[in-house]
Amino acid sequence: MVMRLSKLYGKQIYNTKGYYVGYVDEILIDIDRGQGKVLALGLPSEKVGVPYNRVTAIGDIILVKAKEE
């Protein structure tokens, strides 16, 4: 699947338990490997990185695997 990175900016991110996590503020990629590395979430007071390998789906929203509790 090919998608413009600019289409991801601002998308809401939810985890697989249905909780709102934040929105896409930045995307870090590994140029040498051509792979996504981290989605940087914009939160009211900080930025938090989510490893790209936790992304499970991209559509109207982005779904990331929830942390195990």
C-alpha atoms as a PDB file:
ATOM      1  CA  MET A   1       0.000   0.000   0.000  1.00  0.00           C
ATOM      2  CA  VAL A   2       1.288   3.446  -0.894  1.00  0.00           C
ATOM      3  CA  MET A   3       0.037   6.573   0.879  1.00  0.00           C
ATOM      4  CA  ARG A   4       1.246  10.145   1.028  1.00  0.00           C
ATOM      5  CA  LEU A   5       2.625  10.979   4.449  1.00  0.00           C
ATOM      6  CA  SER A   6       0.843  14.319   4.289  1.00  0.00           C
ATOM      7  CA  LYS A   7      -2.495  12.434   4.364  1.00  0.00           C
ATOM      8  CA  LEU A   8      -1.613  11.069   7.816  1.00  0.00           C
ATOM      9  CA  TYR A   9      -0.946  14.389   9.532  1.00  0.00           C
ATOM     10  CA  GLY A  10      -3.726  15.303  11.925  1.00  0.00           C
ATOM     11  CA  LYS A  11      -5.380  11.856  11.818  1.00  0.00           C
ATOM     12  CA  GLN A  12      -6.730  10.702  15.146  1.00  0.00           C
ATOM     13  CA  ILE A  13      -5.071   7.705  16.753  1.00  0.00           C
ATOM     14  CA  TYR A  14      -6.936   5.135  18.840  1.00  0.00           C
ATOM     15  CA  ASN A  15      -5.636   1.982  20.465  1.00  0.00           C
ATOM     16  CA  THR A  16      -7.086  -1.483  19.975  1.00  0.00           C
ATOM     17  CA  LYS A  17      -8.986  -1.135  23.259  1.00  0.00           C
ATOM     18  CA  GLY A  18     -10.933   1.795  21.811  1.00  0.00           C
ATOM     19  CA  TYR A  19      -9.195   4.631  23.669  1.00  0.00           C
ATOM     20  CA  TYR A  20      -8.202   7.902  22.026  1.00  0.00           C
ATOM     21  CA  VAL A  21      -4.419   8.241  22.092  1.00  0.00           C
ATOM     22  CA  GLY A  22      -3.780  11.501  20.227  1.00  0.00           C
ATOM     23  CA  TYR A  23      -3.255  12.716  16.681  1.00  0.00           C
ATOM     24  CA  VAL A  24      -0.395  12.430  14.201  1.00  0.00           C
ATOM     25  CA  ASP A  25       1.889  15.432  14.552  1.00  0.00           C
ATOM     26  CA  GLU A  26       5.055  14.060  12.925  1.00  0.00           C
ATOM     27  CA  ILE A  27       6.259  10.892  11.231  1.00  0.00           C
ATOM     28  CA  LEU A  28       9.844   9.687  11.445  1.00  0.00           C
ATOM     29  CA  ILE A  29      11.095   7.376   8.709  1.00  0.00           C
ATOM     30  CA  ASP A  30      14.276   5.392   8.181  1.00  0.00           C
ATOM     31  CA  ILE A  31      15.450   6.683   4.795  1.00  0.00           C
ATOM     32  CA  ASP A  32      18.010   3.880   4.348  1.00  0.00           C
ATOM     33  CA  ARG A  33      15.390   1.162   4.800  1.00  0.00           C
ATOM     34  CA  GLY A  34      12.392   3.079   3.480  1.00  0.00           C
ATOM     35  CA  GLN A  35      10.367   2.166   6.581  1.00  0.00           C
ATOM     36  CA  GLY A  36       8.253   4.093   9.032  1.00  0.00           C
ATOM     37  CA  LYS A  37       9.840   4.211  12.472  1.00  0.00           C
ATOM     38  CA  VAL A  38       7.751   6.377  14.804  1.00  0.00           C
ATOM     39  CA  LEU A  39       4.484   8.275  14.782  1.00  0.00           C
ATOM     40  CA  ALA A  40       4.888  11.348  16.969  1.00  0.00           C
ATOM     41  CA  LEU A  41       1.613  12.125  18.692  1.00  0.00           C
ATOM     42  CA  GLY A  42       0.535  15.621  19.446  1.00  0.00           C
ATOM     43  CA  LEU A  43      -0.918  15.867  22.929  1.00  0.00           C
ATOM     44  CA  PRO A  44      -1.930  19.022  24.771  1.00  0.00           C
ATOM     45  CA  SER A  45       1.296  19.282  26.782  1.00  0.00           C
ATOM     46  CA  GLU A  46       3.809  16.990  25.051  1.00  0.00           C
ATOM     47  CA  LYS A  47       4.784  14.838  22.106  1.00  0.00           C
ATOM     48  CA  VAL A  48       4.945  11.083  22.504  1.00  0.00           C
ATOM     49  CA  GLY A  49       6.374   8.573  20.049  1.00  0.00           C
ATOM     50  CA  VAL A  50       4.615   5.366  19.076  1.00  0.00           C
ATOM     51  CA  PRO A  51       6.754   2.755  17.289  1.00  0.00           C
ATOM     52  CA  TYR A  52       5.405   2.253  13.783  1.00  0.00           C
ATOM     53  CA  ASN A  53       5.374  -1.531  14.263  1.00  0.00           C
ATOM     54  CA  ARG A  54       2.463  -1.033  16.709  1.00  0.00           C
ATOM     55  CA  VAL A  55       0.273   0.418  13.937  1.00  0.00           C
ATOM     56  CA  THR A  56      -2.382  -2.166  13.060  1.00  0.00           C
ATOM     57  CA  ALA A  57      -4.583  -0.206  10.617  1.00  0.00           C
ATOM     58  CA  ILE A  58      -4.727   3.086   8.756  1.00  0.00           C
ATOM     59  CA  GLY A  59      -8.016   4.424   7.429  1.00  0.00           C
ATOM     60  CA  ASP A  60     -10.218   7.273   8.607  1.00  0.00           C
ATOM     61  CA  ILE A  61      -8.321   6.877  11.883  1.00  0.00           C
ATOM     62  CA  ILE A  62      -5.076   5.145  12.829  1.00  0.00           C
ATOM     63  CA  LEU A  63      -5.290   2.114  15.075  1.00  0.00           C
ATOM     64  CA  VAL A  64      -2.326   1.119  17.259  1.00  0.00           C
ATOM     65  CA  LYS A  65      -1.875  -1.971  19.366  1.00  0.00           C
ATOM     66  CA  ALA A  66      -2.705  -1.254  23.010  1.00  0.00           C
ATOM     67  CA  LYS A  67      -0.033  -1.808  25.633  1.00  0.00           C
ATOM     68  CA  GLU A  68      -0.438  -4.958  27.692  1.00  0.00           C
ATOM     69  CA  GLU A  69      -1.508  -4.263  31.251  1.00  0.00           C
END
